[in-house]
Each structure stands twice: as structure tokens, then as C-alpha cells.
């Protein structure tokens, strides 16, 4: 029996649906067909059962507050997180209804769409504050407790300049004053791959697996960074595109939530944190003995940009008019 056949069998044992086909999307996410419906099973031990259960409570709360999130399907045992046995290990499973909408092609990630992204993030953080007042966080960790932020563990010792920048950025952000207004539970990885858009421009946020307690501004830094890094369609000036993206997301956010001038000024710092995070992940997950030419190109691109301490956004873009 193949892995996907085993997964289908296990899902049918514990969930109140009849899964007829399972297809791997990633090594942790599986698309499941059941009659005319589509579901997605997340199968991973990336986080503990308690962390994943708290994550689902969070996303269900957000959905009840009117935000677009995918409903989780309770098992026959009444659990939103279930243990299932695969040939080599036991794993945790969460089964979600497929989210409505589609991933927009990168050419459509323009200022109008990104302003709506900013609005959705503003609503998300407003609801997150409400959630934390009624559901004190017990299992979801602060950002710096994640091993993926242990930059000095993964960035090679010979890259002294980058290690020094990484240590300074990490330390500076850890020591920023935290308040109820600037720090709390957030998505942590909101970019074009984790937002679906329907024909009426309604947005559904998916993949809350990286939700964490962090400075709220980080949820703005991620889509700004990602849009500039991955989504510029060409046919214009990338500096103009970066400025438009940055202003659009901030303006959209401020229509739904407060954003202090002090935290806006720190946006370049949090974009640098995201950039270092991505660079560290390359060292963490890529086999440096078997790097492809494309991986080598990407790594060198990041290395050069970080060593030069290049900022992806300009301070003048953050000036309010």
C-alpha cells in the first residue's frame, strides 16, 4: 500500500467523510476528494498537539469574527487534531474544508489588491486582540522561541558579517518594548501563497501553521517583502512598485486598525528580519553539498544583499502625508 493510500484509509477511519482520493501537495499537505467536495489534510508533527489545537481554536474564532479562514472538520471522536498511524511513525492530522477562491497570479498583485490585504491584516489583528482577552494563550510560542529564528546555528561561521547583522537584528527586535497594542498573536506568514481570492475579491487566509506571538508589524513586513522579492511583474520601475506596495498595505491596515508611527518607522528592521529568516532557512533545509545552480544563485543574491546591508524599502516611503 502506498503512502497516499494509507493516508486515505486512516482518514476514513477517523473522519465523518468518505475520502475517495488523496493527492500530495507538499510532504505535509494532502488534497482529499470526497464525493463533490475537496478537503485538505495537514499531516505533520511540526508542532505539538496542544499547539495545533490552540491554532485551530484561533482560526475558528477568526472565522466567527467574519474573517476568511478555512473550517476544520472534527473527527468522529470530536477532535480537531487527530493522531493517525503511518507505517514509519504516528502523526498529527487536521482536516480542513477547501478554501474558496484562487491564488492570484503574481502579475495581479497590484496596489489595489495589496491594500485589501492590508485591510484584512488589520481586521485579523483586531480580532487577535479580542481572542487573547477571552482565550489566554497557553501553547503557541513567542517568535524567538522557534528554532527557525536561531540564525547563528545555521548561518556558517565564516560568514561573519552576515552573522553580526543577524545577531544585531534579532537582539534589537527582542528588546523592543512590548505592549498590548503592538505585540500579540498573528499569522506569521501572510503572502500571496497563503491568501485565496474569490471573484468578489473576498480573501481567505490559509496555513496558520506558523502563527506565533510577535510584533504585529511583522505581519505587514512579510507581504511587503514577498511582493517586492517575488511578485514584481516587470514593465515598470521596481522602486515605484515597492513604494506603491508598501503604501497600499499600510493604508489598508490603518483603515481597520491603529498603527503607531513608531512601529511604522521600524518596518525596515522587520523586513530585514524576514530576509535573514529566509536566508537562514536556506542553510537549514538545503543540502549544501548538492546545491543546484538556481539555489546557488539565490543564496549568493541574498548573501550579497545582506552583506551590503541593503534595505528593500526606503524610509521616505513611510512618511505619512
Protein backbone atom coordinates (compact mmCIF):
# COMPACT_ATOMS: atom_id res chain seq x y z
CA UNK A 1 0.00 0.00 0.00
CA UNK A 2 1.38 3.41 -0.97
CA UNK A 3 1.63 6.32 1.47
CA UNK A 4 -1.36 8.18 -0.01
CA UNK A 5 -3.45 5.00 0.07
CA UNK A 6 -2.57 4.54 3.74
CA UNK A 7 -3.47 8.17 4.46
CA UNK A 8 -6.82 7.74 2.71
CA UNK A 9 -7.56 4.64 4.77
CA UNK A 10 -6.63 6.34 8.06
CA UNK A 11 -8.67 9.46 7.27
CA UNK A 12 -11.73 7.34 6.54
CA UNK A 13 -11.28 5.60 9.89
CA UNK A 14 -11.39 8.80 11.93
CA UNK A 15 -13.40 11.40 9.97
CA UNK A 16 -17.12 11.51 9.08
CA UNK A 17 -16.50 11.76 5.33
CA UNK A 18 -15.73 9.18 2.65
CA UNK A 19 -12.41 10.15 1.10
CA UNK A 20 -12.07 8.61 -2.37
CA UNK A 21 -8.75 10.10 -3.47
CA UNK A 22 -5.68 11.61 -1.80
CA UNK A 23 -3.03 13.59 -3.63
CA UNK A 24 0.17 15.01 -2.12
CA UNK A 25 0.52 18.80 -2.46
CA UNK A 26 3.61 19.00 -0.24
CA UNK A 27 5.14 16.50 2.14
CA UNK A 28 2.79 17.83 4.84
CA UNK A 29 -0.36 18.81 2.92
CA UNK A 30 -2.66 16.45 1.02
CA UNK A 31 -5.62 17.27 -1.23
CA UNK A 32 -8.54 14.93 -0.49
CA UNK A 33 -11.60 14.29 -2.65
CA UNK A 34 -14.85 13.15 -1.06
CA UNK A 35 -17.82 12.99 -3.45
CA UNK A 36 -18.10 16.52 -4.89
CA UNK A 37 -16.15 18.19 -2.06
CA UNK A 38 -12.47 18.94 -1.65
CA UNK A 39 -10.61 18.92 1.65
CA UNK A 40 -7.01 19.41 2.71
CA UNK A 41 -5.36 17.24 5.33
CA UNK A 42 -2.35 18.70 7.11
CA UNK A 43 -0.27 15.81 8.37
CA UNK A 44 2.73 16.87 10.42
CA UNK A 45 4.42 16.81 13.80
CA UNK A 46 5.87 20.27 13.13
CA UNK A 47 4.03 21.47 16.23
CA UNK A 48 2.61 19.62 19.21
CA UNK A 49 -0.99 18.52 19.54
CA UNK A 50 -1.66 21.30 22.06
CA UNK A 51 -0.14 23.95 19.79
CA UNK A 52 -2.14 22.79 16.79
CA UNK A 53 -5.37 22.59 18.80
CA UNK A 54 -4.84 26.16 20.02
CA UNK A 55 -4.13 27.26 16.44
CA UNK A 56 -7.46 25.77 15.29
CA UNK A 57 -9.31 27.47 18.17
CA UNK A 58 -7.74 30.71 16.97
CA UNK A 59 -8.73 30.27 13.31
CA UNK A 60 -12.27 29.22 14.27
CA UNK A 61 -12.55 32.35 16.41
CA UNK A 62 -11.35 34.47 13.49
CA UNK A 63 -13.94 32.88 11.19
CA UNK A 64 -16.69 33.63 13.71
CA UNK A 65 -15.47 37.23 13.74
CA UNK A 66 -16.07 37.45 9.99
CA UNK A 67 -12.56 36.81 8.66
CA UNK A 68 -11.91 34.35 5.87
CA UNK A 69 -10.38 31.16 7.29
CA UNK A 70 -10.96 27.50 6.38
CA UNK A 71 -13.17 25.49 8.78
CA UNK A 72 -11.56 22.47 10.41
CA UNK A 73 -13.54 19.20 10.36
CA UNK A 74 -13.96 17.48 13.73
CA UNK A 75 -13.15 13.76 13.80
CA UNK A 76 -15.58 11.04 14.83
CA UNK A 77 -14.03 11.43 18.27
CA UNK A 78 -14.89 15.14 18.31
CA UNK A 79 -11.27 16.26 17.92
CA UNK A 80 -9.98 18.91 15.52
CA UNK A 81 -6.48 17.47 15.82
CA UNK A 82 -6.20 13.70 15.50
CA UNK A 83 -3.36 11.22 15.82
CA UNK A 84 -3.07 8.71 13.00
CA UNK A 85 -0.55 5.91 12.46
CA UNK A 86 1.51 5.75 9.29
CA UNK A 87 3.98 2.95 8.50
CA UNK A 88 7.02 4.69 9.99
CA UNK A 89 5.53 7.00 12.61
CA UNK A 90 2.46 8.42 14.29
CA UNK A 91 1.47 11.87 13.03
CA UNK A 92 -0.99 14.63 13.83
CA UNK A 93 -3.72 15.48 11.35
CA UNK A 94 -6.01 18.46 10.84
CA UNK A 95 -8.63 18.20 8.09
CA UNK A 96 -9.83 21.45 6.51
CA UNK A 97 -12.56 22.31 4.05
CA UNK A 98 -11.07 23.70 0.86
CA UNK A 99 -10.97 27.48 0.93
CA UNK A 100 -12.95 29.36 -1.72
CA UNK A 101 -11.15 31.36 -4.38
CA UNK A 102 -7.84 31.03 -6.14
CA UNK A 103 -4.23 32.02 -5.79
CA UNK A 104 -3.83 35.20 -7.77
CA UNK A 105 -1.07 35.10 -10.37
CA UNK A 106 1.82 37.32 -9.40
CA UNK A 107 1.01 39.80 -12.16
CA UNK A 108 -2.24 40.64 -10.33
CA UNK A 109 -0.62 41.53 -7.03
CA UNK A 110 -1.06 45.24 -7.58
CA UNK A 111 -1.60 48.12 -5.16
CA UNK A 112 -5.40 47.68 -5.11
CA UNK A 113 -5.19 44.02 -4.11
CA UNK A 114 -2.45 44.67 -1.58
CA UNK A 115 -4.44 47.47 0.03
CA UNK A 116 -7.18 44.90 0.62
CA UNK A 117 -4.54 42.57 2.08
CA UNK A 118 -3.62 45.37 4.47
CA UNK A 119 -7.27 45.75 5.49
CA UNK A 120 -7.57 42.01 6.15
CA UNK A 121 -4.45 42.04 8.30
CA UNK A 122 -5.86 44.99 10.23
CA UNK A 123 -9.06 43.03 10.89
CA UNK A 124 -7.00 39.97 11.81
CA UNK A 125 -5.01 41.80 14.47
CA UNK A 126 -8.10 43.47 15.88
CA UNK A 127 -9.72 40.05 16.24
CA UNK A 128 -6.49 38.58 17.64
CA UNK A 129 -6.51 41.09 20.50
CA UNK A 130 -10.08 40.10 21.27
CA UNK A 131 -9.18 36.41 21.14
CA UNK A 132 -6.31 36.81 23.59
CA UNK A 133 -8.56 38.60 26.09
CA UNK A 134 -11.02 35.71 26.12
CA UNK A 135 -8.61 32.82 25.37
CA UNK A 136 -5.26 33.42 27.11
CA UNK A 137 -2.51 31.82 25.01
CA UNK A 138 -1.07 28.72 26.66
CA UNK A 139 0.72 26.77 23.94
CA UNK A 140 1.56 29.00 20.96
CA UNK A 141 5.04 30.41 21.49
CA UNK A 142 6.71 33.77 21.08
CA UNK A 143 8.54 34.13 17.77
CA UNK A 144 12.05 33.95 19.22
CA UNK A 145 11.34 30.57 20.83
CA UNK A 146 11.14 28.94 17.40
CA UNK A 147 14.31 27.15 16.32
CA UNK A 148 13.90 28.68 12.86
CA UNK A 149 14.99 32.03 14.35
CA UNK A 150 18.24 30.56 15.68
CA UNK A 151 20.15 32.27 12.89
CA UNK A 152 23.62 31.69 14.34
CA UNK A 153 23.00 27.94 14.46
CA UNK A 154 22.56 27.76 10.68
CA UNK A 155 24.42 30.69 9.09
CA UNK A 156 28.02 29.46 8.60
CA UNK A 157 30.67 30.77 10.98
CA UNK A 158 32.80 32.06 8.10
CA UNK A 159 30.02 34.48 7.13
CA UNK A 160 30.98 36.81 9.96
CA UNK A 161 29.47 39.99 8.53
CA UNK A 162 26.06 38.36 8.00
CA UNK A 163 26.17 36.70 11.42
CA UNK A 164 26.85 40.07 13.04
CA UNK A 165 23.91 41.67 11.21
CA UNK A 166 21.67 38.73 12.12
CA UNK A 167 22.61 38.92 15.78
CA UNK A 168 22.03 42.67 15.89
CA UNK A 169 18.62 42.50 14.17
CA UNK A 170 17.46 39.60 16.35
CA UNK A 171 18.65 41.27 19.57
CA UNK A 172 17.22 44.68 18.66
CA UNK A 173 13.76 43.28 17.98
CA UNK A 174 13.77 41.06 21.09
CA UNK A 175 14.50 44.14 23.20
CA UNK A 176 11.79 46.36 21.75
CA UNK A 177 9.13 47.32 24.33
CA UNK A 178 6.03 45.12 24.03
CA UNK A 179 2.52 46.48 24.57
CA UNK A 180 -0.97 45.10 24.02
CA UNK A 181 -1.17 47.45 21.06
CA UNK A 182 1.98 46.36 19.22
CA UNK A 183 2.51 42.69 20.16
CA UNK A 184 0.33 39.60 20.09
CA UNK A 185 -0.89 36.58 18.15
CA UNK A 186 -0.59 36.83 14.38
CA UNK A 187 -0.43 34.72 11.22
CA UNK A 188 3.32 34.97 10.71
CA UNK A 189 3.49 34.05 7.01
CA UNK A 190 0.91 36.05 5.07
CA UNK A 191 1.99 36.33 1.46
CA UNK A 192 0.47 35.58 -1.92
CA UNK A 193 0.68 31.79 -1.50
CA UNK A 194 -1.31 31.88 1.74
CA UNK A 195 -4.24 34.03 0.59
CA UNK A 196 -7.02 32.92 -1.75
CA UNK A 197 -9.22 35.46 -3.53
CA UNK A 198 -12.70 34.82 -4.92
CA UNK A 199 -14.49 36.59 -7.78
CA UNK A 200 -15.81 39.26 -5.41
CA UNK A 201 -12.29 39.96 -4.08
CA UNK A 202 -13.12 38.31 -0.75
CA UNK A 203 -9.98 36.88 0.79
CA UNK A 204 -9.41 33.67 2.73
CA UNK A 205 -6.23 33.26 4.76
CA UNK A 206 -4.76 29.76 4.92
CA UNK A 207 -1.80 27.98 6.52
CA UNK A 208 -1.74 29.33 10.05
CA UNK A 209 0.86 26.71 10.96
CA UNK A 210 3.42 29.46 11.62
CA UNK A 211 1.11 31.57 13.80
CA UNK A 212 3.07 32.95 16.72
CA UNK A 213 3.24 35.81 19.18
CA UNK A 214 5.19 38.59 17.54
CA UNK A 215 5.13 42.32 16.90
CA UNK A 216 2.08 42.97 14.72
CA UNK A 217 4.19 44.94 12.25
CA UNK A 218 5.82 41.65 11.21
CA UNK A 219 2.55 40.59 9.53
CA UNK A 220 2.92 43.69 7.34
CA UNK A 221 6.62 43.17 6.71
CA UNK A 222 6.04 39.69 5.26
CA UNK A 223 3.68 40.63 2.37
CA UNK A 224 5.69 43.76 1.58
CA UNK A 225 8.91 41.76 1.48
CA UNK A 226 7.30 38.95 -0.52
CA UNK A 227 5.68 41.27 -3.06
CA UNK A 228 8.97 43.06 -3.75
CA UNK A 229 11.02 39.86 -3.73
CA UNK A 230 8.73 37.61 -5.77
CA UNK A 231 5.86 39.46 -7.42
CA UNK A 232 7.18 42.37 -9.47
CA UNK A 233 5.76 41.65 -12.96
CA UNK A 234 8.17 43.88 -14.86
CA UNK A 235 7.16 46.52 -17.36
CA UNK A 236 7.88 49.33 -14.95
CA UNK A 237 10.18 50.52 -12.20
CA UNK A 238 10.65 48.12 -9.27
CA UNK A 239 11.33 51.03 -6.92
CA UNK A 240 7.96 52.55 -7.83
CA UNK A 241 6.34 49.14 -7.37
CA UNK A 242 7.92 48.74 -3.93
CA UNK A 243 6.74 52.18 -2.86
CA UNK A 244 3.18 51.53 -4.10
CA UNK A 245 3.05 48.12 -2.39
CA UNK A 246 4.32 49.49 0.91
CA UNK A 247 1.96 52.46 0.96
CA UNK A 248 -1.02 50.34 -0.11
CA UNK A 249 -0.59 47.74 2.63
CA UNK A 250 -0.05 50.35 5.34
CA UNK A 251 -3.01 52.47 4.21
CA UNK A 252 -5.28 49.44 4.06
CA UNK A 253 -4.21 48.32 7.52
CA UNK A 254 -4.85 51.76 9.03
CA UNK A 255 -8.42 51.70 7.75
CA UNK A 256 -9.05 48.77 10.10
CA UNK A 257 -6.57 49.08 12.95
CA UNK A 258 -4.26 51.52 14.70
CA UNK A 259 -0.64 51.59 13.68
CA UNK A 260 1.76 53.81 15.60
CA UNK A 261 4.29 55.97 13.78
CA UNK A 262 6.97 54.41 15.99
CA UNK A 263 6.25 50.90 14.69
CA UNK A 264 5.94 52.07 11.07
CA UNK A 265 9.45 53.53 11.37
CA UNK A 266 10.68 50.07 12.38
CA UNK A 267 9.23 48.37 9.30
CA UNK A 268 12.64 48.16 7.53
CA UNK A 269 14.03 46.38 10.60
CA UNK A 270 11.29 43.73 10.44
CA UNK A 271 11.73 43.30 6.69
CA UNK A 272 15.42 42.66 7.40
CA UNK A 273 14.35 40.05 9.98
CA UNK A 274 12.25 38.33 7.32
CA UNK A 275 15.12 38.45 4.85
CA UNK A 276 17.51 36.90 7.38
CA UNK A 277 14.87 34.31 8.25
CA UNK A 278 14.66 33.23 4.61
CA UNK A 279 18.45 33.13 4.27
CA UNK A 280 18.82 31.06 7.44
CA UNK A 281 16.16 28.60 6.21
CA UNK A 282 18.23 28.01 3.08
CA UNK A 283 21.10 26.84 5.26
CA UNK A 284 18.74 24.91 7.49
CA UNK A 285 16.96 22.90 4.79
CA UNK A 286 19.09 22.90 1.64
CA UNK A 287 21.82 20.30 1.20
CA UNK A 288 24.86 22.49 0.67
CA UNK A 289 26.73 19.54 -0.83
CA UNK A 290 24.08 19.24 -3.56
CA UNK A 291 23.01 22.80 -4.30
CA UNK A 292 21.50 23.35 -7.72
CA UNK A 293 22.66 26.27 -9.84
CA UNK A 294 19.39 28.07 -9.04
CA UNK A 295 19.82 27.53 -5.31
CA UNK A 296 23.39 28.79 -5.50
CA UNK A 297 22.25 31.87 -7.43
CA UNK A 298 19.53 32.63 -4.88
CA UNK A 299 21.87 32.12 -1.92
CA UNK A 300 24.53 34.37 -3.43
CA UNK A 301 21.91 37.03 -4.18
CA UNK A 302 20.81 37.04 -0.54
CA UNK A 303 24.38 36.92 0.72
CA UNK A 304 25.42 39.95 -1.30
CA UNK A 305 22.34 41.96 -0.36
CA UNK A 306 22.62 41.21 3.35
CA UNK A 307 26.38 41.86 3.50
CA UNK A 308 25.81 45.27 1.95
CA UNK A 309 23.03 45.87 4.50
CA UNK A 310 20.76 46.85 1.63
CA UNK A 311 17.23 47.93 2.63
CA UNK A 312 14.37 46.73 0.44
CA UNK A 313 12.28 49.78 1.30
CA UNK A 314 13.15 53.45 1.70
CA UNK A 315 12.36 55.49 4.79
CA UNK A 316 10.68 58.20 2.72
CA UNK A 317 8.03 55.66 1.66
CA UNK A 318 6.90 55.53 5.30
CA UNK A 319 6.31 59.26 5.67
CA UNK A 320 2.66 59.99 6.24
CA UNK A 321 1.06 62.71 4.17
